[in-house]
All heavy atoms as atom14 arrays in JSON, in Angstrom:
{
  "sequence": "SAHTPGDDAATALVSAVEGEPLAEPRVLRFRAGRRTHSWHRNVVAIGL",
  "atom14_mask": [
    [1, 1, 1, 1, 1, 1, 0, 0, 0, 0, 0, 0, 0, 0],
    [1, 1, 1, 1, 1, 0, 0, 0, 0, 0, 0, 0, 0, 0],
    [1, 1, 1, 1, 1, 1, 1, 1, 1, 1, 0, 0, 0, 0],
    [1, 1, 1, 1, 1, 1, 1, 0, 0, 0, 0, 0, 0, 0],
    [1, 1, 1, 1, 1, 1, 1, 0, 0, 0, 0, 0, 0, 0],
    [1, 1, 1, 1, 0, 0, 0, 0, 0, 0, 0, 0, 0, 0],
    [1, 1, 1, 1, 1, 1, 1, 1, 0, 0, 0, 0, 0, 0],
    [1, 1, 1, 1, 1, 1, 1, 1, 0, 0, 0, 0, 0, 0],
    [1, 1, 1, 1, 1, 0, 0, 0, 0, 0, 0, 0, 0, 0],
    [1, 1, 1, 1, 1, 0, 0, 0, 0, 0, 0, 0, 0, 0],
    [1, 1, 1, 1, 1, 1, 1, 0, 0, 0, 0, 0, 0, 0],
    [1, 1, 1, 1, 1, 0, 0, 0, 0, 0, 0, 0, 0, 0],
    [1, 1, 1, 1, 1, 1, 1, 1, 0, 0, 0, 0, 0, 0],
    [1, 1, 1, 1, 1, 1, 1, 0, 0, 0, 0, 0, 0, 0],
    [1, 1, 1, 1, 1, 1, 0, 0, 0, 0, 0, 0, 0, 0],
    [1, 1, 1, 1, 1, 0, 0, 0, 0, 0, 0, 0, 0, 0],
    [1, 1, 1, 1, 1, 1, 1, 0, 0, 0, 0, 0, 0, 0],
    [1, 1, 1, 1, 1, 1, 1, 1, 1, 0, 0, 0, 0, 0],
    [1, 1, 1, 1, 0, 0, 0, 0, 0, 0, 0, 0, 0, 0],
    [1, 1, 1, 1, 1, 1, 1, 1, 1, 0, 0, 0, 0, 0],
    [1, 1, 1, 1, 1, 1, 1, 0, 0, 0, 0, 0, 0, 0],
    [1, 1, 1, 1, 1, 1, 1, 1, 0, 0, 0, 0, 0, 0],
    [1, 1, 1, 1, 1, 0, 0, 0, 0, 0, 0, 0, 0, 0],
    [1, 1, 1, 1, 1, 1, 1, 1, 1, 0, 0, 0, 0, 0],
    [1, 1, 1, 1, 1, 1, 1, 0, 0, 0, 0, 0, 0, 0],
    [1, 1, 1, 1, 1, 1, 1, 1, 1, 1, 1, 0, 0, 0],
    [1, 1, 1, 1, 1, 1, 1, 0, 0, 0, 0, 0, 0, 0],
    [1, 1, 1, 1, 1, 1, 1, 1, 0, 0, 0, 0, 0, 0],
    [1, 1, 1, 1, 1, 1, 1, 1, 1, 1, 1, 0, 0, 0],
    [1, 1, 1, 1, 1, 1, 1, 1, 1, 1, 1, 0, 0, 0],
    [1, 1, 1, 1, 1, 1, 1, 1, 1, 1, 1, 0, 0, 0],
    [1, 1, 1, 1, 1, 0, 0, 0, 0, 0, 0, 0, 0, 0],
    [1, 1, 1, 1, 0, 0, 0, 0, 0, 0, 0, 0, 0, 0],
    [1, 1, 1, 1, 1, 1, 1, 1, 1, 1, 1, 0, 0, 0],
    [1, 1, 1, 1, 1, 1, 1, 1, 1, 1, 1, 0, 0, 0],
    [1, 1, 1, 1, 1, 1, 1, 0, 0, 0, 0, 0, 0, 0],
    [1, 1, 1, 1, 1, 1, 1, 1, 1, 1, 0, 0, 0, 0],
    [1, 1, 1, 1, 1, 1, 0, 0, 0, 0, 0, 0, 0, 0],
    [1, 1, 1, 1, 1, 1, 1, 1, 1, 1, 1, 1, 1, 1],
    [1, 1, 1, 1, 1, 1, 1, 1, 1, 1, 0, 0, 0, 0],
    [1, 1, 1, 1, 1, 1, 1, 1, 1, 1, 1, 0, 0, 0],
    [1, 1, 1, 1, 1, 1, 1, 1, 0, 0, 0, 0, 0, 0],
    [1, 1, 1, 1, 1, 1, 1, 0, 0, 0, 0, 0, 0, 0],
    [1, 1, 1, 1, 1, 1, 1, 0, 0, 0, 0, 0, 0, 0],
    [1, 1, 1, 1, 1, 0, 0, 0, 0, 0, 0, 0, 0, 0],
    [1, 1, 1, 1, 1, 1, 1, 1, 0, 0, 0, 0, 0, 0],
    [1, 1, 1, 1, 0, 0, 0, 0, 0, 0, 0, 0, 0, 0],
    [1, 1, 1, 1, 1, 1, 1, 1, 0, 0, 0, 0, 0, 0]
  ],
  "atom14_positions": [
    [[0.82, -1.22, 0.0], [-0.01, 0.0, 0.01], [0.88, 1.27, 0.01], [0.36, 2.34, -0.33], [-0.93, 0.01, 1.22], [-0.2, 0.02, 2.43], [0.0, 0.0, 0.0], [0.0, 0.0, 0.0], [0.0, 0.0, 0.0], [0.0, 0.0, 0.0], [0.0, 0.0, 0.0], [0.0, 0.0, 0.0], [0.0, 0.0, 0.0], [0.0, 0.0, 0.0]],
    [[2.12, 1.13, 0.33], [3.03, 2.3, 0.3], [3.48, 2.6, -1.12], [4.05, 3.67, -1.38], [4.27, 2.02, 1.17], [0.0, 0.0, 0.0], [0.0, 0.0, 0.0], [0.0, 0.0, 0.0], [0.0, 0.0, 0.0], [0.0, 0.0, 0.0], [0.0, 0.0, 0.0], [0.0, 0.0, 0.0], [0.0, 0.0, 0.0], [0.0, 0.0, 0.0]],
    [[3.19, 1.66, -2.05], [3.65, 1.85, -3.42], [2.55, 1.98, -4.47], [2.79, 2.33, -5.59], [4.58, 0.69, -3.81], [5.86, 0.67, -3.09], [5.98, 0.07, -1.86], [7.06, 1.18, -3.38], [7.25, 0.19, -1.43], [7.92, 0.87, -2.33], [0.0, 0.0, 0.0], [0.0, 0.0, 0.0], [0.0, 0.0, 0.0], [0.0, 0.0, 0.0]],
    [[1.3, 1.7, -4.08], [0.21, 1.88, -4.99], [-1.11, 2.03, -4.21], [-1.28, 1.36, -3.18], [0.09, 0.72, -5.99], [-0.81, 1.06, -7.04], [-0.44, -0.56, -5.32], [0.0, 0.0, 0.0], [0.0, 0.0, 0.0], [0.0, 0.0, 0.0], [0.0, 0.0, 0.0], [0.0, 0.0, 0.0], [0.0, 0.0, 0.0], [0.0, 0.0, 0.0]],
    [[-2.01, 2.91, -4.61], [-3.29, 3.04, -3.94], [-4.16, 1.78, -4.17], [-4.03, 1.1, -5.18], [-3.95, 4.29, -4.6], [-2.82, 4.96, -5.32], [-1.83, 3.89, -5.7], [0.0, 0.0, 0.0], [0.0, 0.0, 0.0], [0.0, 0.0, 0.0], [0.0, 0.0, 0.0], [0.0, 0.0, 0.0], [0.0, 0.0, 0.0], [0.0, 0.0, 0.0]],
    [[-5.09, 1.57, -3.23], [-5.94, 0.38, -3.32], [-6.82, 0.43, -4.56], [-7.06, -0.62, -5.2], [0.0, 0.0, 0.0], [0.0, 0.0, 0.0], [0.0, 0.0, 0.0], [0.0, 0.0, 0.0], [0.0, 0.0, 0.0], [0.0, 0.0, 0.0], [0.0, 0.0, 0.0], [0.0, 0.0, 0.0], [0.0, 0.0, 0.0], [0.0, 0.0, 0.0]],
    [[-7.3, 1.58, -4.95], [-8.16, 1.67, -6.13], [-7.38, 1.3, -7.39], [-7.91, 0.66, -8.3], [-8.69, 3.11, -6.27], [-9.72, 3.45, -5.23], [-10.23, 2.51, -4.56], [-10.04, 4.66, -5.05], [0.0, 0.0, 0.0], [0.0, 0.0, 0.0], [0.0, 0.0, 0.0], [0.0, 0.0, 0.0], [0.0, 0.0, 0.0], [0.0, 0.0, 0.0]],
    [[-6.11, 1.7, -7.44], [-5.28, 1.34, -8.61], [-5.05, -0.16, -8.66], [-5.05, -0.76, -9.74], [-3.94, 2.07, -8.56], [-4.09, 3.58, -8.88], [-5.22, 3.99, -9.15], [-3.07, 4.27, -8.83], [0.0, 0.0, 0.0], [0.0, 0.0, 0.0], [0.0, 0.0, 0.0], [0.0, 0.0, 0.0], [0.0, 0.0, 0.0], [0.0, 0.0, 0.0]],
    [[-4.84, -0.77, -7.5], [-4.64, -2.22, -7.43], [-5.89, -2.95, -7.9], [-5.81, -3.92, -8.68], [-4.26, -2.66, -6.03], [0.0, 0.0, 0.0], [0.0, 0.0, 0.0], [0.0, 0.0, 0.0], [0.0, 0.0, 0.0], [0.0, 0.0, 0.0], [0.0, 0.0, 0.0], [0.0, 0.0, 0.0], [0.0, 0.0, 0.0], [0.0, 0.0, 0.0]],
    [[-7.08, -2.51, -7.47], [-8.29, -3.16, -7.89], [-8.5, -3.01, -9.39], [-8.92, -3.98, -10.08], [-9.48, -2.55, -7.13], [0.0, 0.0, 0.0], [0.0, 0.0, 0.0], [0.0, 0.0, 0.0], [0.0, 0.0, 0.0], [0.0, 0.0, 0.0], [0.0, 0.0, 0.0], [0.0, 0.0, 0.0], [0.0, 0.0, 0.0], [0.0, 0.0, 0.0]],
    [[-8.22, -1.85, -9.93], [-8.37, -1.6, -11.36], [-7.42, -2.5, -12.13], [-7.8, -3.08, -13.17], [-8.07, -0.14, -11.7], [-9.05, 0.7, -11.01], [-8.21, 0.11, -13.19], [0.0, 0.0, 0.0], [0.0, 0.0, 0.0], [0.0, 0.0, 0.0], [0.0, 0.0, 0.0], [0.0, 0.0, 0.0], [0.0, 0.0, 0.0], [0.0, 0.0, 0.0]],
    [[-6.19, -2.63, -11.66], [-5.22, -3.49, -12.34], [-5.63, -4.94, -12.32], [-5.47, -5.65, -13.31], [-3.85, -3.35, -11.68], [0.0, 0.0, 0.0], [0.0, 0.0, 0.0], [0.0, 0.0, 0.0], [0.0, 0.0, 0.0], [0.0, 0.0, 0.0], [0.0, 0.0, 0.0], [0.0, 0.0, 0.0], [0.0, 0.0, 0.0], [0.0, 0.0, 0.0]],
    [[-6.24, -5.4, -11.2], [-6.7, -6.78, -11.14], [-7.87, -7.03, -12.09], [-7.86, -8.01, -12.83], [-7.12, -7.12, -9.71], [-7.7, -8.53, -9.5], [-6.66, -9.58, -9.8], [-8.23, -8.67, -8.07], [0.0, 0.0, 0.0], [0.0, 0.0, 0.0], [0.0, 0.0, 0.0], [0.0, 0.0, 0.0], [0.0, 0.0, 0.0], [0.0, 0.0, 0.0]],
    [[-8.83, -6.14, -12.08], [-10.01, -6.33, -12.92], [-9.62, -6.35, -14.4], [-10.18, -7.16, -15.18], [-11.04, -5.21, -12.66], [-12.16, -5.22, -13.72], [-11.62, -5.29, -11.26], [0.0, 0.0, 0.0], [0.0, 0.0, 0.0], [0.0, 0.0, 0.0], [0.0, 0.0, 0.0], [0.0, 0.0, 0.0], [0.0, 0.0, 0.0], [0.0, 0.0, 0.0]],
    [[-8.68, -5.52, -14.78], [-8.24, -5.5, -16.2], [-7.44, -6.72, -16.58], [-7.29, -7.01, -17.77], [-7.45, -4.23, -16.46], [-6.23, -4.22, -15.71], [0.0, 0.0, 0.0], [0.0, 0.0, 0.0], [0.0, 0.0, 0.0], [0.0, 0.0, 0.0], [0.0, 0.0, 0.0], [0.0, 0.0, 0.0], [0.0, 0.0, 0.0], [0.0, 0.0, 0.0]],
    [[-6.91, -7.45, -15.6], [-6.03, -8.57, -15.92], [-6.73, -9.95, -15.92], [-6.25, -10.88, -16.53], [-4.87, -8.63, -14.9], [0.0, 0.0, 0.0], [0.0, 0.0, 0.0], [0.0, 0.0, 0.0], [0.0, 0.0, 0.0], [0.0, 0.0, 0.0], [0.0, 0.0, 0.0], [0.0, 0.0, 0.0], [0.0, 0.0, 0.0], [0.0, 0.0, 0.0]],
    [[-7.9, -10.05, -15.23], [-8.52, -11.37, -15.14], [-8.98, -11.82, -16.55], [-9.32, -11.02, -17.43], [-9.73, -11.34, -14.19], [-9.29, -11.04, -12.8], [-10.79, -10.4, -14.66], [0.0, 0.0, 0.0], [0.0, 0.0, 0.0], [0.0, 0.0, 0.0], [0.0, 0.0, 0.0], [0.0, 0.0, 0.0], [0.0, 0.0, 0.0], [0.0, 0.0, 0.0]],
    [[-9.01, -13.13, -16.74], [-9.25, -13.71, -18.06], [-10.68, -14.19, -18.27], [-10.99, -14.73, -19.33], [-8.25, -14.84, -18.31], [-6.81, -14.36, -18.21], [-5.82, -15.52, -18.18], [-6.22, -16.66, -18.58], [-4.68, -15.33, -17.73], [0.0, 0.0, 0.0], [0.0, 0.0, 0.0], [0.0, 0.0, 0.0], [0.0, 0.0, 0.0], [0.0, 0.0, 0.0]],
    [[-11.52, -14.09, -17.26], [-12.89, -14.55, -17.37], [-13.83, -13.51, -16.82], [-13.44, -12.46, -16.27], [0.0, 0.0, 0.0], [0.0, 0.0, 0.0], [0.0, 0.0, 0.0], [0.0, 0.0, 0.0], [0.0, 0.0, 0.0], [0.0, 0.0, 0.0], [0.0, 0.0, 0.0], [0.0, 0.0, 0.0], [0.0, 0.0, 0.0], [0.0, 0.0, 0.0]],
    [[-15.12, -13.76, -16.92], [-16.13, -12.84, -16.44], [-16.08, -12.76, -14.91], [-16.17, -13.78, -14.23], [-17.54, -13.3, -16.86], [-18.66, -12.38, -16.35], [-20.05, -12.97, -16.68], [-20.1, -14.0, -17.4], [-21.04, -12.38, -16.21], [0.0, 0.0, 0.0], [0.0, 0.0, 0.0], [0.0, 0.0, 0.0], [0.0, 0.0, 0.0], [0.0, 0.0, 0.0]],
    [[-15.95, -11.57, -14.31], [-15.9, -11.43, -12.86], [-17.19, -11.98, -12.22], [-18.28, -11.77, -12.72], [-15.77, -9.95, -12.63], [-15.13, -9.42, -13.89], [-15.71, -10.29, -14.98], [0.0, 0.0, 0.0], [0.0, 0.0, 0.0], [0.0, 0.0, 0.0], [0.0, 0.0, 0.0], [0.0, 0.0, 0.0], [0.0, 0.0, 0.0], [0.0, 0.0, 0.0]],
    [[-17.03, -12.67, -11.08], [-18.17, -13.25, -10.39], [-18.47, -12.54, -9.1], [-19.46, -12.87, -8.44], [-17.88, -14.73, -10.07], [-17.61, -15.63, -11.29], [-17.28, -17.07, -10.79], [-18.85, -15.67, -12.2], [0.0, 0.0, 0.0], [0.0, 0.0, 0.0], [0.0, 0.0, 0.0], [0.0, 0.0, 0.0], [0.0, 0.0, 0.0], [0.0, 0.0, 0.0]],
    [[-17.67, -11.54, -8.72], [-17.91, -10.75, -7.55], [-17.11, -9.48, -7.62], [-16.17, -9.38, -8.45], [-17.56, -11.56, -6.29], [0.0, 0.0, 0.0], [0.0, 0.0, 0.0], [0.0, 0.0, 0.0], [0.0, 0.0, 0.0], [0.0, 0.0, 0.0], [0.0, 0.0, 0.0], [0.0, 0.0, 0.0], [0.0, 0.0, 0.0], [0.0, 0.0, 0.0]],
    [[-17.4, -8.54, -6.77], [-16.64, -7.34, -6.7], [-15.28, -7.6, -6.01], [-15.19, -8.49, -5.17], [-17.38, -6.24, -5.94], [-18.62, -5.72, -6.62], [-18.3, -5.03, -7.94], [-17.32, -4.25, -7.96], [-18.99, -5.28, -8.95], [0.0, 0.0, 0.0], [0.0, 0.0, 0.0], [0.0, 0.0, 0.0], [0.0, 0.0, 0.0], [0.0, 0.0, 0.0]],
    [[-14.25, -6.85, -6.34], [-12.96, -7.02, -5.66], [-13.1, -6.82, -4.18], [-13.8, -5.91, -3.72], [-12.06, -5.96, -6.31], [-12.69, -5.69, -7.64], [-14.17, -5.87, -7.41], [0.0, 0.0, 0.0], [0.0, 0.0, 0.0], [0.0, 0.0, 0.0], [0.0, 0.0, 0.0], [0.0, 0.0, 0.0], [0.0, 0.0, 0.0], [0.0, 0.0, 0.0]],
    [[-12.44, -7.64, -3.39], [-12.46, -7.56, -1.94], [-11.07, -7.31, -1.41], [-10.1, -7.98, -1.81], [-13.0, -8.89, -1.34], [-13.12, -8.92, 0.16], [-13.97, -10.08, 0.59], [-13.37, -11.37, 0.27], [-12.82, -12.21, 1.11], [-12.77, -11.88, 2.41], [-12.34, -13.37, 0.75], [0.0, 0.0, 0.0], [0.0, 0.0, 0.0], [0.0, 0.0, 0.0]],
    [[-10.92, -6.34, -0.52], [-9.61, -5.93, -0.01], [-9.33, -6.62, 1.33], [-10.19, -6.66, 2.2], [-9.49, -4.43, 0.14], [-8.15, -4.02, 0.75], [-9.71, -3.71, -1.2], [0.0, 0.0, 0.0], [0.0, 0.0, 0.0], [0.0, 0.0, 0.0], [0.0, 0.0, 0.0], [0.0, 0.0, 0.0], [0.0, 0.0, 0.0], [0.0, 0.0, 0.0]],
    [[-8.11, -7.13, 1.44], [-7.66, -7.79, 2.68], [-6.43, -7.05, 3.17], [-5.59, -6.62, 2.39], [-7.34, -9.26, 2.45], [-8.45, -10.1, 1.85], [-7.89, -11.39, 1.29], [-9.51, -10.37, 2.9], [0.0, 0.0, 0.0], [0.0, 0.0, 0.0], [0.0, 0.0, 0.0], [0.0, 0.0, 0.0], [0.0, 0.0, 0.0], [0.0, 0.0, 0.0]],
    [[-6.29, -6.96, 4.51], [-5.15, -6.27, 5.12], [-4.37, -7.26, 5.95], [-4.97, -8.08, 6.66], [-5.6, -5.09, 5.95], [-6.17, -3.94, 5.11], [-6.77, -2.88, 6.0], [-7.16, -1.68, 5.24], [-8.26, -1.61, 4.55], [-9.12, -2.63, 4.51], [-8.54, -0.52, 3.84], [0.0, 0.0, 0.0], [0.0, 0.0, 0.0], [0.0, 0.0, 0.0]],
    [[-3.04, -7.19, 5.92], [-2.23, -8.08, 6.72], [-0.85, -7.48, 6.91], [-0.53, -6.41, 6.38], [-2.12, -9.44, 6.05], [-1.8, -9.41, 4.57], [-0.56, -9.11, 4.1], [-2.82, -9.62, 3.65], [-0.28, -9.05, 2.72], [-2.58, -9.59, 2.26], [-1.3, -9.29, 1.82], [0.0, 0.0, 0.0], [0.0, 0.0, 0.0], [0.0, 0.0, 0.0]],
    [[-0.03, -8.17, 7.67], [1.37, -7.76, 7.85], [2.21, -9.02, 8.02], [1.77, -10.0, 8.66], [1.54, -6.83, 9.05], [1.01, -7.41, 10.36], [1.28, -6.48, 11.55], [0.64, -6.97, 12.76], [1.0, -6.61, 13.99], [1.97, -5.74, 14.14], [0.4, -7.1, 15.03], [0.0, 0.0, 0.0], [0.0, 0.0, 0.0], [0.0, 0.0, 0.0]],
    [[3.39, -8.98, 7.48], [4.29, -10.13, 7.54], [5.01, -10.18, 8.87], [5.47, -9.17, 9.37], [5.28, -10.09, 6.4], [0.0, 0.0, 0.0], [0.0, 0.0, 0.0], [0.0, 0.0, 0.0], [0.0, 0.0, 0.0], [0.0, 0.0, 0.0], [0.0, 0.0, 0.0], [0.0, 0.0, 0.0], [0.0, 0.0, 0.0], [0.0, 0.0, 0.0]],
    [[5.11, -11.37, 9.44], [5.85, -11.56, 10.7], [5.35, -12.77, 11.41], [4.54, -13.56, 10.92], [0.0, 0.0, 0.0], [0.0, 0.0, 0.0], [0.0, 0.0, 0.0], [0.0, 0.0, 0.0], [0.0, 0.0, 0.0], [0.0, 0.0, 0.0], [0.0, 0.0, 0.0], [0.0, 0.0, 0.0], [0.0, 0.0, 0.0], [0.0, 0.0, 0.0]],
    [[5.83, -12.94, 12.64], [5.41, -14.07, 13.46], [5.52, -13.71, 14.95], [6.18, -12.75, 15.33], [6.25, -15.32, 13.17], [7.73, -15.17, 13.56], [8.39, -16.53, 13.64], [9.83, -16.48, 13.77], [10.47, -16.25, 14.94], [9.79, -16.02, 16.04], [11.79, -16.2, 14.98], [0.0, 0.0, 0.0], [0.0, 0.0, 0.0], [0.0, 0.0, 0.0]],
    [[4.89, -14.52, 15.77], [4.97, -14.36, 17.23], [6.36, -14.8, 17.72], [6.99, -15.72, 17.13], [3.94, -15.23, 17.94], [2.49, -14.9, 17.58], [2.05, -13.64, 18.29], [0.81, -13.17, 17.64], [0.26, -11.97, 17.89], [0.89, -11.11, 18.67], [-0.82, -11.6, 17.27], [0.0, 0.0, 0.0], [0.0, 0.0, 0.0], [0.0, 0.0, 0.0]],
    [[6.82, -14.17, 18.78], [8.06, -14.66, 19.39], [7.83, -16.01, 20.09], [8.77, -16.83, 20.18], [8.6, -13.64, 20.42], [7.56, -13.35, 21.37], [9.02, -12.37, 19.72], [0.0, 0.0, 0.0], [0.0, 0.0, 0.0], [0.0, 0.0, 0.0], [0.0, 0.0, 0.0], [0.0, 0.0, 0.0], [0.0, 0.0, 0.0], [0.0, 0.0, 0.0]],
    [[6.61, -16.24, 20.56], [6.24, -17.52, 21.17], [4.85, -17.91, 20.66], [3.87, -17.28, 21.04], [6.22, -17.46, 22.69], [7.56, -17.14, 23.3], [7.95, -15.86, 23.59], [8.6, -17.95, 23.64], [9.17, -15.87, 24.12], [9.58, -17.13, 24.12], [0.0, 0.0, 0.0], [0.0, 0.0, 0.0], [0.0, 0.0, 0.0], [0.0, 0.0, 0.0]],
    [[4.8, -18.94, 19.84], [3.49, -19.38, 19.36], [2.82, -20.31, 20.38], [1.6, -20.52, 20.28], [3.66, -20.11, 18.02], [3.97, -19.22, 17.0], [0.0, 0.0, 0.0], [0.0, 0.0, 0.0], [0.0, 0.0, 0.0], [0.0, 0.0, 0.0], [0.0, 0.0, 0.0], [0.0, 0.0, 0.0], [0.0, 0.0, 0.0], [0.0, 0.0, 0.0]],
    [[3.58, -20.89, 21.29], [2.99, -21.6, 22.44], [3.45, -20.86, 23.67], [4.62, -20.89, 24.03], [3.47, -23.04, 22.43], [2.76, -23.92, 23.49], [2.03, -23.5, 24.58], [2.7, -25.34, 23.53], [1.54, -24.53, 25.27], [1.94, -25.7, 24.66], [3.28, -26.33, 22.72], [1.72, -27.05, 25.02], [3.04, -27.65, 23.08], [2.27, -28.01, 24.2]],
    [[2.55, -20.19, 24.33], [2.84, -19.38, 25.53], [1.87, -19.81, 26.61], [0.63, -19.82, 26.4], [2.74, -17.9, 25.21], [3.18, -17.0, 26.31], [4.34, -17.23, 27.05], [2.65, -15.84, 26.79], [4.48, -16.27, 27.93], [3.49, -15.4, 27.81], [0.0, 0.0, 0.0], [0.0, 0.0, 0.0], [0.0, 0.0, 0.0], [0.0, 0.0, 0.0]],
    [[2.4, -20.12, 27.78], [1.58, -20.68, 28.88], [0.81, -21.88, 28.37], [1.4, -22.81, 27.82], [0.73, -19.58, 29.51], [1.53, -18.44, 30.13], [0.62, -17.49, 30.92], [1.39, -16.4, 31.47], [2.04, -16.45, 32.65], [1.98, -17.56, 33.36], [2.73, -15.42, 33.07], [0.0, 0.0, 0.0], [0.0, 0.0, 0.0], [0.0, 0.0, 0.0]],
    [[-0.51, -21.87, 28.47], [-1.31, -22.98, 27.98], [-2.1, -22.65, 26.72], [-3.16, -23.21, 26.46], [-2.26, -23.49, 29.08], [-3.32, -22.46, 29.46], [-3.12, -21.25, 29.32], [-4.47, -22.94, 29.93], [0.0, 0.0, 0.0], [0.0, 0.0, 0.0], [0.0, 0.0, 0.0], [0.0, 0.0, 0.0], [0.0, 0.0, 0.0], [0.0, 0.0, 0.0]],
    [[-1.56, -21.7, 25.95], [-2.19, -21.31, 24.7], [-1.24, -21.59, 23.52], [-0.08, -21.16, 23.53], [-2.58, -19.82, 24.7], [-3.06, -19.38, 23.33], [-3.64, -19.55, 25.74], [0.0, 0.0, 0.0], [0.0, 0.0, 0.0], [0.0, 0.0, 0.0], [0.0, 0.0, 0.0], [0.0, 0.0, 0.0], [0.0, 0.0, 0.0], [0.0, 0.0, 0.0]],
    [[-1.76, -22.26, 22.5], [-1.0, -22.56, 21.29], [-1.65, -21.82, 20.13], [-2.86, -21.99, 19.89], [-0.99, -24.09, 20.97], [-0.21, -24.35, 19.69], [-0.42, -24.87, 22.12], [0.0, 0.0, 0.0], [0.0, 0.0, 0.0], [0.0, 0.0, 0.0], [0.0, 0.0, 0.0], [0.0, 0.0, 0.0], [0.0, 0.0, 0.0], [0.0, 0.0, 0.0]],
    [[-0.9, -20.96, 19.47], [-1.43, -20.22, 18.33], [-1.14, -20.99, 17.05], [-0.01, -21.43, 16.81], [-0.79, -18.84, 18.25], [0.0, 0.0, 0.0], [0.0, 0.0, 0.0], [0.0, 0.0, 0.0], [0.0, 0.0, 0.0], [0.0, 0.0, 0.0], [0.0, 0.0, 0.0], [0.0, 0.0, 0.0], [0.0, 0.0, 0.0], [0.0, 0.0, 0.0]],
    [[-2.18, -21.12, 16.19], [-2.06, -21.84, 14.92], [-2.7, -20.98, 13.84], [-3.77, -20.4, 14.05], [-2.71, -23.22, 15.01], [-1.89, -24.13, 15.93], [-2.77, -23.85, 13.59], [-2.51, -25.51, 16.13], [0.0, 0.0, 0.0], [0.0, 0.0, 0.0], [0.0, 0.0, 0.0], [0.0, 0.0, 0.0], [0.0, 0.0, 0.0], [0.0, 0.0, 0.0]],
    [[-2.06, -20.91, 12.69], [-2.58, -20.11, 11.6], [-2.21, -18.64, 11.74], [-1.11, -18.32, 12.22], [0.0, 0.0, 0.0], [0.0, 0.0, 0.0], [0.0, 0.0, 0.0], [0.0, 0.0, 0.0], [0.0, 0.0, 0.0], [0.0, 0.0, 0.0], [0.0, 0.0, 0.0], [0.0, 0.0, 0.0], [0.0, 0.0, 0.0], [0.0, 0.0, 0.0]],
    [[-3.1, -17.73, 11.37], [-2.78, -16.31, 11.32], [-2.5, -15.74, 12.72], [-1.82, -14.72, 12.8], [-3.94, -15.55, 10.69], [-4.27, -15.94, 9.24], [-5.48, -15.13, 8.73], [-3.08, -15.78, 8.32], [0.0, 0.0, 0.0], [0.0, 0.0, 0.0], [0.0, 0.0, 0.0], [0.0, 0.0, 0.0], [0.0, 0.0, 0.0], [0.0, 0.0, 0.0]]
  ]
}
């Protein structure tokens, strides 16, 4: 998102797909990284 606006990304995707769109573009937000402890006390983190 620091290098392109979300609207531009959606436009680029729509113009690139090879078939008829079946839904509107959906935006997801995330960040890369991990927990320092995925098992802490009696809790185990799995997935996101």
